C-alpha atoms as a PDB file:
ATOM      1  CA  MET A   1      22.689  -6.961 -27.104  1.00  0.00           C
ATOM      2  CA  ALA A   2      20.125  -7.201 -24.279  1.00  0.00           C
ATOM      3  CA  THR A   3      22.311  -9.748 -22.477  1.00  0.00           C
ATOM      4  CA  GLN A   4      25.332  -7.456 -22.798  1.00  0.00           C
ATOM      5  CA  VAL A   5      23.350  -4.529 -21.345  1.00  0.00           C
ATOM      6  CA  ARG A   6      22.300  -6.661 -18.365  1.00  0.00           C
ATOM      7  CA  GLN A   7      25.917  -7.693 -17.764  1.00  0.00           C
ATOM      8  CA  ASP A   8      27.112  -4.081 -17.989  1.00  0.00           C
ATOM      9  CA  VAL A   9      24.502  -2.962 -15.448  1.00  0.00           C
ATOM     10  CA  GLU A  10      25.623  -5.607 -13.004  1.00  0.00           C
ATOM     11  CA  GLU A  11      29.343  -5.020 -13.529  1.00  0.00           C
ATOM     12  CA  SER A  12      28.942  -1.307 -12.811  1.00  0.00           C
ATOM     13  CA  ALA A  13      27.453  -1.971  -9.352  1.00  0.00           C
ATOM     14  CA  ARG A  14      29.375  -0.813  -6.278  1.00  0.00           C
ATOM     15  CA  GLN A  15      31.383  -3.637  -4.746  1.00  0.00           C
ATOM     16  CA  VAL A  16      32.134  -4.525  -1.133  1.00  0.00           C
ATOM     17  CA  ARG A  17      34.694  -7.078   0.031  1.00  0.00           C
ATOM     18  CA  ALA A  18      33.221  -9.371   2.664  1.00  0.00           C
ATOM     19  CA  MET A  19      33.958 -12.569   4.526  1.00  0.00           C
ATOM     20  CA  LEU A  20      31.311 -15.253   4.130  1.00  0.00           C
ATOM     21  CA  ARG A  21      31.275 -18.491   6.056  1.00  0.00           C
ATOM     22  CA  TYR A  22      31.023 -21.719   4.055  1.00  0.00           C
ATOM     23  CA  VAL A  23      30.986 -25.321   5.223  1.00  0.00           C
ATOM     24  CA  ASP A  24      34.273 -27.073   4.516  1.00  0.00           C
ATOM     25  CA  GLU A  25      34.522 -29.807   1.931  1.00  0.00           C
ATOM     26  CA  GLY A  26      34.740 -33.363   3.219  1.00  0.00           C
ATOM     27  CA  ASP A  27      32.682 -36.057   4.878  1.00  0.00           C
ATOM     28  CA  PHE A  28      31.393 -35.310   8.393  1.00  0.00           C
ATOM     29  CA  VAL A  29      28.102 -35.076  10.291  1.00  0.00           C
ATOM     30  CA  THR A  30      26.305 -31.799   9.616  1.00  0.00           C
ATOM     31  CA  ARG A  31      23.555 -30.737  11.989  1.00  0.00           C
ATOM     32  CA  ARG A  32      22.110 -27.439  13.161  1.00  0.00           C
ATOM     33  CA  TYR A  33      20.935 -27.216  16.756  1.00  0.00           C
ATOM     34  CA  VAL A  34      18.719 -24.255  17.655  1.00  0.00           C
ATOM     35  CA  SER A  35      17.484 -23.046  21.010  1.00  0.00           C
ATOM     36  CA  GLN A  36      16.339 -19.741  22.460  1.00  0.00           C
ATOM     37  CA  GLY A  37      18.673 -16.978  21.283  1.00  0.00           C
ATOM     38  CA  GLN A  38      21.432 -19.232  19.987  1.00  0.00           C
ATOM     39  CA  GLU A  39      22.226 -21.697  17.223  1.00  0.00           C
ATOM     40  CA  ILE A  40      25.206 -23.993  16.614  1.00  0.00           C
ATOM     41  CA  ASN A  41      26.392 -26.207  13.761  1.00  0.00           C
ATOM     42  CA  THR A  42      28.383 -29.406  13.815  1.00  0.00           C
ATOM     43  CA  GLY A  43      31.138 -29.939  11.289  1.00  0.00           C
ATOM     44  CA  THR A  44      33.755 -27.406  10.260  1.00  0.00           C
ATOM     45  CA  TYR A  45      33.367 -24.082   8.482  1.00  0.00           C
ATOM     46  CA  SER A  46      35.769 -21.526   7.030  1.00  0.00           C
ATOM     47  CA  ASP A  47      35.508 -17.854   6.106  1.00  0.00           C
ATOM     48  CA  HIS A  48      36.194 -16.881   2.509  1.00  0.00           C
ATOM     49  CA  ALA A  49      36.720 -13.451   0.975  1.00  0.00           C
ATOM     50  CA  VAL A  50      34.114 -12.617  -1.669  1.00  0.00           C
ATOM     51  CA  ILE A  51      32.799  -9.608  -3.562  1.00  0.00           C
ATOM     52  CA  VAL A  52      29.252  -8.542  -2.680  1.00  0.00           C
ATOM     53  CA  ARG A  53      27.648  -6.060  -5.079  1.00  0.00           C
ATOM     54  CA  ASP A  54      25.152  -3.389  -4.044  1.00  0.00           C
ATOM     55  CA  ALA A  55      21.888  -4.082  -5.848  1.00  0.00           C
ATOM     56  CA  MET A  56      19.926  -1.150  -4.447  1.00  0.00           C
ATOM     57  CA  PRO A  57      20.676   1.396  -7.220  1.00  0.00           C
ATOM     58  CA  ILE A  58      19.517  -1.140  -9.834  1.00  0.00           C
ATOM     59  CA  ARG A  59      16.836  -2.791  -7.698  1.00  0.00           C
ATOM     60  CA  ASP A  60      14.319  -3.176 -10.523  1.00  0.00           C
ATOM     61  CA  HIS A  61      16.844  -5.218 -12.511  1.00  0.00           C
ATOM     62  CA  PHE A  62      16.402  -8.297 -10.320  1.00  0.00           C
ATOM     63  CA  THR A  63      13.619 -10.802 -10.940  1.00  0.00           C
ATOM     64  CA  LEU A  64      12.566 -13.838  -8.988  1.00  0.00           C
ATOM     65  CA  ASP A  65      12.745 -16.346 -11.839  1.00  0.00           C
ATOM     66  CA  THR A  66      16.073 -15.055 -13.173  1.00  0.00           C
ATOM     67  CA  HIS A  67      18.120 -14.317 -10.058  1.00  0.00           C
ATOM     68  CA  GLY A  68      16.140 -16.264  -7.466  1.00  0.00           C
ATOM     69  CA  PHE A  69      15.345 -13.076  -5.542  1.00  0.00           C
ATOM     70  CA  MET A  70      13.647  -9.719  -5.934  1.00  0.00           C
ATOM     71  CA  ILE A  71      12.842  -6.607  -3.908  1.00  0.00           C
ATOM     72  CA  ALA A  72       9.523  -4.771  -3.788  1.00  0.00           C
ATOM     73  CA  LYS A  73       7.793  -2.014  -1.866  1.00  0.00           C
ATOM     74  CA  VAL A  74       5.327  -3.762   0.430  1.00  0.00           C
ATOM     75  CA  PRO A  75       4.129  -1.655   3.384  1.00  0.00           C
ATOM     76  CA  SER A  76       2.925  -3.472   6.487  1.00  0.00           C
ATOM     77  CA  LYS A  77       0.186  -2.562   8.941  1.00  0.00           C
ATOM     78  CA  VAL A  78       2.371  -3.874  11.767  1.00  0.00           C
ATOM     79  CA  ARG A  79       3.650  -0.831  13.635  1.00  0.00           C
ATOM     80  CA  ASP A  80       5.939  -2.646  16.060  1.00  0.00           C
ATOM     81  CA  PHE A  81       7.471  -5.946  15.015  1.00  0.00           C
ATOM     82  CA  HIS A  82       8.439  -6.637  18.628  1.00  0.00           C
ATOM     83  CA  ASP A  83       4.714  -6.753  19.466  1.00  0.00           C
ATOM     84  CA  LYS A  84       4.197 -10.488  19.028  1.00  0.00           C
ATOM     85  CA  ALA A  85       0.412 -10.280  19.268  1.00  0.00           C
ATOM     86  CA  SER A  86       0.292  -7.726  16.472  1.00  0.00           C
ATOM     87  CA  VAL A  87       2.614  -9.725  14.237  1.00  0.00           C
ATOM     88  CA  ASP A  88       0.633 -12.907  14.884  1.00  0.00           C
ATOM     89  CA  ALA A  89      -2.622 -11.136  14.053  1.00  0.00           C
ATOM     90  CA  LEU A  90      -1.522  -9.387  10.865  1.00  0.00           C
ATOM     91  CA  TYR A  91       1.711 -10.414   9.302  1.00  0.00           C
ATOM     92  CA  GLU A  92       1.240 -13.895   7.891  1.00  0.00           C
ATOM     93  CA  ARG A  93      -1.878 -12.830   5.978  1.00  0.00           C
ATOM     94  CA  GLU A  94       0.042  -9.837   4.600  1.00  0.00           C
ATOM     95  CA  VAL A  95       2.835 -12.134   3.443  1.00  0.00           C
ATOM     96  CA  GLU A  96       0.433 -14.527   1.754  1.00  0.00           C
ATOM     97  CA  GLN A  97      -1.213 -11.664  -0.148  1.00  0.00           C
ATOM     98  CA  ALA A  98       2.161 -10.229  -1.166  1.00  0.00           C
ATOM     99  CA  VAL A  99       3.525 -13.558  -2.399  1.00  0.00           C
ATOM    100  CA  LEU A 100       0.401 -14.164  -4.474  1.00  0.00           C
ATOM    101  CA  ALA A 101       0.690 -10.709  -6.017  1.00  0.00           C
ATOM    102  CA  LEU A 102       4.415 -10.995  -6.741  1.00  0.00           C
ATOM    103  CA  THR A 103       4.414 -14.532  -8.142  1.00  0.00           C
ATOM    104  CA  GLY A 104       0.986 -15.058  -9.735  1.00  0.00           C
ATOM    105  CA  ALA A 105       0.468 -18.264  -7.742  1.00  0.00           C
ATOM    106  CA  ASP A 106      -3.055 -19.509  -7.023  1.00  0.00           C
ATOM    107  CA  LYS A 107      -2.652 -20.337  -3.328  1.00  0.00           C
ATOM    108  CA  CYS A 108      -0.213 -19.404  -0.579  1.00  0.00           C
ATOM    109  CA  VAL A 109       0.196 -20.576   3.010  1.00  0.00           C
ATOM    110  CA  ALA A 110       2.509 -18.802   5.449  1.00  0.00           C
ATOM    111  CA  ARG A 111       4.463 -21.149   7.710  1.00  0.00           C
ATOM    112  CA  GLY A 112       5.664 -19.009  10.594  1.00  0.00           C
ATOM    113  CA  TRP A 113       7.895 -16.020  11.241  1.00  0.00           C
ATOM    114  CA  MET A 114      11.078 -15.197  13.117  1.00  0.00           C
ATOM    115  CA  LEU A 115      12.874 -12.009  14.105  1.00  0.00           C
ATOM    116  CA  ARG A 116      16.642 -11.864  13.715  1.00  0.00           C
ATOM    117  CA  THR A 117      19.085  -9.303  15.041  1.00  0.00           C
ATOM    118  CA  SER A 118      22.781  -8.475  15.075  1.00  0.00           C
ATOM    119  CA  ALA A 119      22.392  -7.303  18.693  1.00  0.00           C
ATOM    120  CA  ASP A 120      23.819  -9.281  21.611  1.00  0.00           C
ATOM    121  CA  LEU A 121      21.434 -12.098  22.563  1.00  0.00           C
ATOM    122  CA  SER A 122      23.621 -13.676  25.235  1.00  0.00           C
ATOM    123  CA  GLN A 123      21.242 -12.807  28.071  1.00  0.00           C
ATOM    124  CA  ARG A 124      18.299 -14.271  26.185  1.00  0.00           C
ATOM    125  CA  ALA A 125      20.290 -17.387  25.360  1.00  0.00           C
ATOM    126  CA  ALA A 126      21.192 -17.819  29.048  1.00  0.00           C
ATOM    127  CA  GLN A 127      17.529 -17.973  30.073  1.00  0.00           C
ATOM    128  CA  LYS A 128      16.283 -21.455  30.808  1.00  0.00           C
ATOM    129  CA  VAL A 129      13.598 -22.588  28.384  1.00  0.00           C
ATOM    130  CA  GLN A 130      11.309 -25.580  28.248  1.00  0.00           C
ATOM    131  CA  ASN A 131       9.747 -26.904  25.051  1.00  0.00           C
ATOM    132  CA  TYR A 132      11.434 -24.285  22.875  1.00  0.00           C
ATOM    133  CA  GLN A 133       9.460 -23.467  19.711  1.00  0.00           C
ATOM    134  CA  HIS A 134      11.505 -22.245  16.758  1.00  0.00           C
ATOM    135  CA  ASN A 135       8.888 -19.760  15.593  1.00  0.00           C
ATOM    136  CA  GLY A 136       7.699 -16.301  16.574  1.00  0.00           C
ATOM    137  CA  GLY A 137      10.807 -15.432  18.586  1.00  0.00           C
ATOM    138  CA  ILE A 138      14.119 -13.646  18.090  1.00  0.00           C
ATOM    139  CA  GLN A 139      17.348 -15.313  16.983  1.00  0.00           C
ATOM    140  CA  PRO A 140      20.813 -14.250  15.801  1.00  0.00           C
ATOM    141  CA  THR A 141      21.543 -13.487  12.149  1.00  0.00           C
ATOM    142  CA  ALA A 142      22.400 -16.355   9.821  1.00  0.00           C
ATOM    143  CA  GLY A 143      26.005 -17.414  10.194  1.00  0.00           C
ATOM    144  CA  GLU A 144      26.733 -19.490   7.097  1.00  0.00           C
ATOM    145  CA  VAL A 145      25.848 -19.798   3.410  1.00  0.00           C
ATOM    146  CA  HIS A 146      22.713 -21.910   3.173  1.00  0.00           C
ATOM    147  CA  VAL A 147      19.260 -22.510   1.770  1.00  0.00           C
ATOM    148  CA  ASP A 148      16.805 -23.303   4.560  1.00  0.00           C
ATOM    149  CA  ILE A 149      15.441 -26.521   3.032  1.00  0.00           C
ATOM    150  CA  ASN A 150      16.834 -29.264   0.827  1.00  0.00           C
ATOM    151  CA  GLY A 151      14.953 -31.049  -1.942  1.00  0.00           C
ATOM    152  CA  PRO A 152      13.368 -33.895   0.071  1.00  0.00           C
ATOM    153  CA  THR A 153      12.298 -31.474   2.817  1.00  0.00           C
ATOM    154  CA  ALA A 154      10.751 -29.147   0.227  1.00  0.00           C
ATOM    155  CA  ARG A 155       8.700 -31.872  -1.405  1.00  0.00           C
ATOM    156  CA  ARG A 156       7.411 -33.200   1.936  1.00  0.00           C
ATOM    157  CA  MET A 157       6.576 -29.683   3.119  1.00  0.00           C
ATOM    158  CA  ALA A 158       4.622 -28.891  -0.042  1.00  0.00           C
ATOM    159  CA  GLU A 159       2.676 -32.141   0.069  1.00  0.00           C
ATOM    160  CA  MET A 160       1.756 -31.812   3.742  1.00  0.00           C
ATOM    161  CA  THR A 161       0.872 -28.126   3.474  1.00  0.00           C
ATOM    162  CA  TYR A 162      -1.425 -28.574   0.495  1.00  0.00           C
ATOM    163  CA  ALA A 163      -3.151 -31.613   1.999  1.00  0.00           C
ATOM    164  CA  LYS A 164      -3.763 -29.806   5.282  1.00  0.00           C
ATOM    165  CA  HIS A 165      -4.999 -26.479   3.925  1.00  0.00           C
ATOM    166  CA  PHE A 166      -6.648 -27.481   0.632  1.00  0.00           C
ATOM    167  CA  PRO A 167      -7.942 -31.044   1.162  1.00  0.00           C
ATOM    168  CA  ASP A 168     -10.580 -30.607  -1.548  1.00  0.00           C
ATOM    169  CA  GLY A 169      -8.285 -28.820  -3.989  1.00  0.00           C
ATOM    170  CA  PRO A 170      -7.538 -30.095  -7.487  1.00  0.00           C
ATOM    171  CA  GLY A 171      -3.839 -30.586  -6.731  1.00  0.00           C
ATOM    172  CA  TYR A 172      -0.871 -28.504  -7.830  1.00  0.00           C
ATOM    173  CA  ARG A 173       1.482 -28.514 -10.791  1.00  0.00           C
ATOM    174  CA  ARG A 174       4.116 -26.271  -9.227  1.00  0.00           C
ATOM    175  CA  PHE A 175       5.092 -25.153  -5.744  1.00  0.00           C
ATOM    176  CA  LEU A 176       7.434 -22.474  -4.434  1.00  0.00           C
ATOM    177  CA  ILE A 177       8.811 -22.310  -0.903  1.00  0.00           C
ATOM    178  CA  SER A 178      10.269 -18.893  -0.211  1.00  0.00           C
ATOM    179  CA  SER A 179      11.235 -16.355   2.409  1.00  0.00           C
ATOM    180  CA  PHE A 180       9.625 -12.932   2.676  1.00  0.00           C
ATOM    181  CA  TRP A 181      12.230 -10.800   4.452  1.00  0.00           C
ATOM    182  CA  ARG A 182      12.373  -7.211   5.630  1.00  0.00           C
ATOM    183  CA  THR A 183      14.508  -5.199   8.013  1.00  0.00           C
ATOM    184  CA  PHE A 184      12.715  -2.744  10.291  1.00  0.00           C
ATOM    185  CA  SER A 185      15.689  -1.060  11.960  1.00  0.00           C
ATOM    186  CA  PRO A 186      16.958   2.247  10.525  1.00  0.00           C
ATOM    187  CA  PRO A 187      19.311   2.098   7.533  1.00  0.00           C
ATOM    188  CA  PRO A 188      22.063   1.424   6.903  1.00  0.00           C
ATOM    189  CA  GLN A 189      22.155  -1.881   8.757  1.00  0.00           C
ATOM    190  CA  ASP A 190      25.456  -3.291  10.035  1.00  0.00           C
ATOM    191  CA  VAL A 191      24.817  -6.941   9.136  1.00  0.00           C
ATOM    192  CA  PRO A 192      22.650  -7.061   5.997  1.00  0.00           C
ATOM    193  CA  LEU A 193      21.600 -10.121   4.048  1.00  0.00           C
ATOM    194  CA  ALA A 194      23.724 -11.352   1.145  1.00  0.00           C
ATOM    195  CA  LEU A 195      21.884 -13.140  -1.670  1.00  0.00           C
ATOM    196  CA  CYS A 196      23.546 -15.412  -4.205  1.00  0.00           C
ATOM    197  CA  ASP A 197      22.371 -15.273  -7.803  1.00  0.00           C
ATOM    198  CA  GLY A 198      20.771 -18.705  -7.952  1.00  0.00           C
ATOM    199  CA  ARG A 199      22.118 -19.339 -11.443  1.00  0.00           C
ATOM    200  CA  THR A 200      25.636 -19.350  -9.988  1.00  0.00           C
ATOM    201  CA  SER A 201      24.862 -21.585  -6.995  1.00  0.00           C
ATOM    202  CA  PHE A 202      25.963 -24.841  -8.622  1.00  0.00           C
ATOM    203  CA  GLY A 203      29.394 -26.364  -9.106  1.00  0.00           C
ATOM    204  CA  GLY A 204      30.590 -26.568  -5.517  1.00  0.00           C
ATOM    205  CA  GLU A 205      30.111 -29.232  -2.862  1.00  0.00           C
ATOM    206  CA  GLU A 206      26.785 -29.290  -1.004  1.00  0.00           C
ATOM    207  CA  LYS A 207      25.586 -31.013   2.145  1.00  0.00           C
ATOM    208  CA  SER A 208      22.309 -31.419   4.004  1.00  0.00           C
ATOM    209  CA  ASN A 209      22.177 -29.830   7.465  1.00  0.00           C
ATOM    210  CA  THR A 210      19.564 -31.490   9.681  1.00  0.00           C
ATOM    211  CA  LEU A 211      17.636 -29.228  12.054  1.00  0.00           C
ATOM    212  CA  PHE A 212      17.316 -30.155  15.730  1.00  0.00           C
ATOM    213  CA  ILE A 213      15.158 -27.894  17.928  1.00  0.00           C
ATOM    214  CA  VAL A 214      16.254 -28.325  21.547  1.00  0.00           C
ATOM    215  CA  ASP A 215      16.023 -26.809  25.009  1.00  0.00           C
ATOM    216  CA  ASP A 216      19.665 -27.619  25.786  1.00  0.00           C
ATOM    217  CA  PHE A 217      22.494 -28.312  23.364  1.00  0.00           C
ATOM    218  CA  PRO A 218      24.018 -31.792  23.450  1.00  0.00           C
ATOM    219  CA  VAL A 219      27.700 -31.955  24.318  1.00  0.00           C
ATOM    220  CA  GLY A 220      30.622 -34.027  23.110  1.00  0.00           C
ATOM    221  CA  ASP A 221      29.868 -37.130  21.099  1.00  0.00           C
ATOM    222  CA  ALA A 222      26.128 -36.628  21.614  1.00  0.00           C
ATOM    223  CA  LEU A 223      26.228 -33.811  19.065  1.00  0.00           C
ATOM    224  CA  THR A 224      26.859 -36.274  16.251  1.00  0.00           C
ATOM    225  CA  ALA A 225      25.554 -39.563  17.662  1.00  0.00           C
ATOM    226  CA  PRO A 226      23.208 -41.496  15.321  1.00  0.00           C
ATOM    227  CA  VAL A 227      19.543 -40.470  15.494  1.00  0.00           C
ATOM    228  CA  GLU A 228      16.851 -42.790  14.202  1.00  0.00           C
ATOM    229  CA  GLY A 229      14.733 -41.191  11.470  1.00  0.00           C
ATOM    230  CA  GLU A 230      17.141 -38.309  10.890  1.00  0.00           C
ATOM    231  CA  ASP A 231      16.627 -38.587   7.146  1.00  0.00           C
ATOM    232  CA  GLN A 232      12.973 -37.628   7.644  1.00  0.00           C
ATOM    233  CA  LYS A 233      13.672 -34.474   9.636  1.00  0.00           C
ATOM    234  CA  LEU A 234      13.710 -30.956   8.215  1.00  0.00           C
ATOM    235  CA  ALA A 235      17.096 -30.226   6.670  1.00  0.00           C
ATOM    236  CA  ALA A 236      18.763 -27.278   4.976  1.00  0.00           C
ATOM    237  CA  THR A 237      21.305 -27.235   2.163  1.00  0.00           C
ATOM    238  CA  ILE A 238      24.722 -25.820   3.070  1.00  0.00           C
ATOM    239  CA  PHE A 239      27.380 -24.895   0.551  1.00  0.00           C
ATOM    240  CA  SER A 240      31.141 -25.100   0.277  1.00  0.00           C
ATOM    241  CA  TYR A 241      32.987 -22.183  -1.257  1.00  0.00           C
ATOM    242  CA  HIS A 242      32.960 -21.847  -5.022  1.00  0.00           C
ATOM    243  CA  PRO A 243      34.518 -18.886  -6.864  1.00  0.00           C
ATOM    244  CA  GLY A 244      31.601 -18.771  -9.281  1.00  0.00           C
ATOM    245  CA  HIS A 245      29.093 -17.682  -6.642  1.00  0.00           C
ATOM    246  CA  ARG A 246      27.870 -14.159  -7.442  1.00  0.00           C
ATOM    247  CA  TRP A 247      26.725 -12.193  -4.384  1.00  0.00           C
ATOM    248  CA  TRP A 248      24.389  -9.213  -3.974  1.00  0.00           C
ATOM    249  CA  TYR A 249      22.859  -7.128  -1.202  1.00  0.00           C
ATOM    250  CA  PHE A 250      20.543  -4.151  -0.905  1.00  0.00           C
ATOM    251  CA  GLN A 251      22.232  -1.494   1.203  1.00  0.00           C
ATOM    252  CA  GLY A 252      19.964   0.889   3.090  1.00  0.00           C
ATOM    253  CA  MET A 253      16.730  -1.076   3.047  1.00  0.00           C
ATOM    254  CA  GLU A 254      13.737   0.795   4.475  1.00  0.00           C
ATOM    255  CA  ALA A 255      10.919  -0.787   6.472  1.00  0.00           C
ATOM    256  CA  ASP A 256       8.649  -0.852   3.392  1.00  0.00           C
ATOM    257  CA  ASP A 257      11.243  -2.771   1.357  1.00  0.00           C
ATOM    258  CA  ALA A 258      10.667  -6.510   1.238  1.00  0.00           C
ATOM    259  CA  LEU A 259      12.889  -9.195  -0.225  1.00  0.00           C
ATOM    260  CA  LEU A 260      11.349 -12.324  -1.678  1.00  0.00           C
ATOM    261  CA  PHE A 261      13.821 -15.123  -2.331  1.00  0.00           C
ATOM    262  CA  LYS A 262      13.519 -18.786  -3.203  1.00  0.00           C
ATOM    263  CA  PHE A 263      14.230 -21.761  -1.000  1.00  0.00           C
ATOM    264  CA  HIS A 264      12.902 -24.256  -3.534  1.00  0.00           C
ATOM    265  CA  ASP A 265      10.907 -23.866  -6.733  1.00  0.00           C
ATOM    266  CA  SER A 266       9.674 -27.136  -8.179  1.00  0.00           C
ATOM    267  CA  ASP A 267       9.893 -25.564 -11.654  1.00  0.00           C
ATOM    268  CA  HIS A 268      13.554 -26.100 -12.501  1.00  0.00           C
ATOM    269  CA  SER A 269      13.210 -24.425 -15.908  1.00  0.00           C
ATOM    270  CA  VAL A 270      13.697 -21.133 -14.024  1.00  0.00           C
ATOM    271  CA  THR A 271      16.147 -20.230 -11.273  1.00  0.00           C
ATOM    272  CA  TRP A 272      14.877 -22.336  -8.404  1.00  0.00           C
ATOM    273  CA  ARG A 273      16.932 -21.480  -5.305  1.00  0.00           C
ATOM    274  CA  CYS A 274      18.852 -18.660  -3.651  1.00  0.00           C
ATOM    275  CA  PRO A 275      21.664 -19.338  -1.158  1.00  0.00           C
ATOM    276  CA  HIS A 276      22.015 -16.542   1.387  1.00  0.00           C
ATOM    277  CA  THR A 277      23.738 -15.468   4.580  1.00  0.00           C
ATOM    278  CA  ALA A 278      24.327 -12.439   6.784  1.00  0.00           C
ATOM    279  CA  PHE A 279      27.597 -10.498   6.517  1.00  0.00           C
ATOM    280  CA  HIS A 280      29.284  -7.479   8.057  1.00  0.00           C
ATOM    281  CA  ASP A 281      29.104  -4.489   5.698  1.00  0.00           C
ATOM    282  CA  THR A 282      32.669  -3.208   5.952  1.00  0.00           C
ATOM    283  CA  SER A 283      31.889  -0.231   3.704  1.00  0.00           C
ATOM    284  CA  LEU A 284      30.137   1.383   6.694  1.00  0.00           C
ATOM    285  CA  ASN A 285      33.374   1.479   8.721  1.00  0.00           C
ATOM    286  CA  GLY A 286      31.560   0.509  11.905  1.00  0.00           C
ATOM    287  CA  THR A 287      28.834   3.178  11.597  1.00  0.00           C
ATOM    288  CA  GLY A 288      25.931   0.902  10.674  1.00  0.00           C
ATOM    289  CA  ASN A 289      22.826   0.472  12.783  1.00  0.00           C
ATOM    290  CA  ILE A 290      21.964  -2.797  14.493  1.00  0.00           C
ATOM    291  CA  ARG A 291      20.062  -4.963  12.071  1.00  0.00           C
ATOM    292  CA  GLU A 292      16.614  -6.102  13.126  1.00  0.00           C
ATOM    293  CA  SER A 293      14.645  -8.089  10.585  1.00  0.00           C
ATOM    294  CA  ILE A 294      11.652 -10.366  10.227  1.00  0.00           C
ATOM    295  CA  GLU A 295      11.449 -13.379   7.945  1.00  0.00           C
ATOM    296  CA  CYS A 296       8.341 -15.341   7.072  1.00  0.00           C
ATOM    297  CA  ARG A 297       8.350 -18.574   5.114  1.00  0.00           C
ATOM    298  CA  SER A 298       5.517 -19.568   2.825  1.00  0.00           C
ATOM    299  CA  VAL A 299       4.510 -22.244   0.358  1.00  0.00           C
ATOM    300  CA  ALA A 300       2.830 -21.054  -2.842  1.00  0.00           C
ATOM    301  CA  PHE A 301       0.989 -23.334  -5.256  1.00  0.00           C
ATOM    302  CA  TRP A 302      -0.016 -23.184  -8.907  1.00  0.00           C
ATOM    303  CA  GLU A 303      -3.026 -25.450  -9.436  1.00  0.00           C
END
C-alpha cells in the first residue's frame, strides 16, 4: 500500500515536455574541453523529447538514498554570489556543514564551487585567458545528461581527499561525492536543473567523458588525438537516451532552497548516483528569469 501511495503521488505531479541532450550510441572519442565561459564536447549528441515532472509541490517526498537527490531549506550568509571574496570566505564551510547535517556523515570536504548562468557568456568566452582554472568562476549551464564523475574518478578522489585532509584518521567505510546546488536568481528560472531518479538511470549505454581544462580549444584532429595518461584524468559519465529515465525538477526555487544530489555513493545498497542536465522550461512560455546558480562539490566520509 505504501508503495502504491508513493507511485500515486509521483504520477499526479505536473508534467512538462522538454528536450534533453544525450550522447549518441556508438564507439567514438568522448572528451569535454572547458575554458573561460565556454565548454565543448567531442563525439555526437542528439536531443530527445522527455517528460519532466515538477517536484516542488511534493518536495518532501524525495530522499537522497531513494531518489539520489533531495531539496532542503538551507539559508546562506553570502549576500552576493558574484562577490568572489565573500563566496570564498563563507560558502564551502556552509556546504560542508549542510552536507554533514543532511547525510549524517562523519567528515566532509568541499572541493570548489562554480557559478552557472543561462545568460550570454560570449564576451567572457572571447577574453584571452592564461592558465585557466575551472573553479570559482562562471560558466554556461550544463548541456547534456551526465554525472560529473565516473567510478574510477570517484574512488581516486575519495582516497586522495581523505589522505590529504585526515592523514591521522581511522579510514572510511563509505564515501559520498555530491553536488550542493542552489539558484540565486528570482524564480521562476528559464533553464532549471533536471534530475533523473537514480533508480532509473541504468539500462542504456554509458560512456566516460574525460575532462580537459584548457586556455584554447584544440582544433581538427587534435580534439581527439591520443593523450598519454588519459585514463588517469578526471572523467564524467555521459548517458545515451533510455525511455526508462524518470526526470524531475523543482520549479520556482528560492535562494534558500538547496539541492543535494549524488555523483557517486560507494554504498550501492542505496541509490548511488543522479544523472542531471539543464533544460528550457517550456511551461513558462518565454517568461522565465535568467538562471544564475552556484554548485559546490564535496566528498563526505563515514568512518
